[in-house]
Protein backbone atom coordinates (compact mmCIF):
# COMPACT_ATOMS: atom_id res chain seq x y z
CA MET A 1 70.40 18.81 -59.06
CA ILE A 2 73.17 18.12 -61.55
CA HIS A 3 76.71 18.18 -60.18
CA ALA A 4 79.60 19.13 -62.42
CA THR A 5 82.35 16.56 -62.62
CA LEU A 6 85.84 17.44 -61.46
CA PHE A 7 87.10 20.15 -63.82
CA GLY A 8 84.05 19.44 -66.00
CA GLU A 9 82.90 22.96 -66.69
CA SER A 10 86.22 24.66 -66.17
CA SER A 11 88.48 22.33 -68.16
CA PHE A 12 88.45 24.79 -71.05
CA PHE A 13 90.13 27.38 -68.84
CA LEU A 14 92.83 24.92 -67.78
CA TRP A 15 94.18 24.95 -71.35
CA HIS A 16 95.16 28.59 -70.80
CA ALA A 17 97.73 27.39 -68.27
CA VAL A 18 99.72 25.42 -70.88
CA PRO A 19 101.15 28.42 -72.81
CA ILE A 20 101.73 30.28 -69.56
CA VAL A 21 103.75 27.39 -68.09
CA ILE A 22 105.73 27.05 -71.33
CA ALA A 23 106.48 30.78 -71.47
CA ILE A 24 107.49 31.00 -67.82
CA SER A 25 109.70 27.92 -68.12
CA LEU A 26 111.47 29.18 -71.24
CA VAL A 27 112.08 32.65 -69.82
CA TYR A 28 113.35 31.22 -66.54
CA GLY A 29 115.64 28.83 -68.40
CA ALA A 30 116.93 31.61 -70.64
CA THR A 31 117.80 33.79 -67.65
CA ARG A 32 119.91 30.98 -66.19
CA HIS A 33 121.70 29.65 -69.27
CA GLU A 34 122.95 30.80 -72.66
CA LEU A 35 123.13 27.58 -74.68
CA MET A 36 119.90 26.36 -76.31
CA GLY A 37 120.26 22.81 -75.01
CA HIS A 38 120.68 24.00 -71.45
CA ILE A 39 117.75 26.42 -71.81
CA LEU A 40 115.42 23.69 -73.09
CA TYR A 41 116.49 21.22 -70.41
CA SER A 42 116.02 23.84 -67.70
CA ALA A 43 112.63 24.80 -69.18
CA TYR A 44 111.58 21.15 -69.16
CA ARG A 45 112.56 20.72 -65.52
CA THR A 46 110.90 23.99 -64.53
CA ALA A 47 107.68 23.05 -66.32
CA LEU A 48 107.61 19.70 -64.52
CA TRP A 49 108.20 21.45 -61.20
CA ILE A 50 105.38 23.95 -61.83
CA LEU A 51 102.94 21.26 -62.99
CA GLY A 52 103.85 19.03 -60.05
CA PHE A 53 103.30 21.87 -57.62
CA VAL A 54 99.94 22.71 -59.17
CA ALA A 55 98.94 19.03 -59.08
CA VAL A 56 99.79 18.76 -55.37
CA ILE A 57 97.76 21.88 -54.60
CA ALA A 58 94.85 20.50 -56.67
CA VAL A 59 94.93 17.21 -54.77
CA ILE A 60 94.98 19.03 -51.44
CA LEU A 61 91.99 21.15 -52.49
CA ILE A 62 90.09 18.09 -53.72
CA VAL A 63 90.69 16.27 -50.45
CA ILE A 64 89.55 19.32 -48.49
CA SER A 65 86.41 19.64 -50.64
CA TRP A 66 85.55 15.96 -49.99
CA MET A 67 85.94 16.49 -46.26
CA VAL A 68 83.54 19.45 -46.20
């Protein structure tokens, strides 16, 4: 039996998350600020927060899958 590597078969679908994270971050930043510099800085911080949160959840799920 051949086992798929971590994100091996589904890594193509992970690329769909990149434009979604960018769009969400920019819209969230634009609702909080009016100046472009502030919007971009807020979008950057929001994108890092979202990606960090997703990474933590992924690590938790990987650990749980190893335990099962």
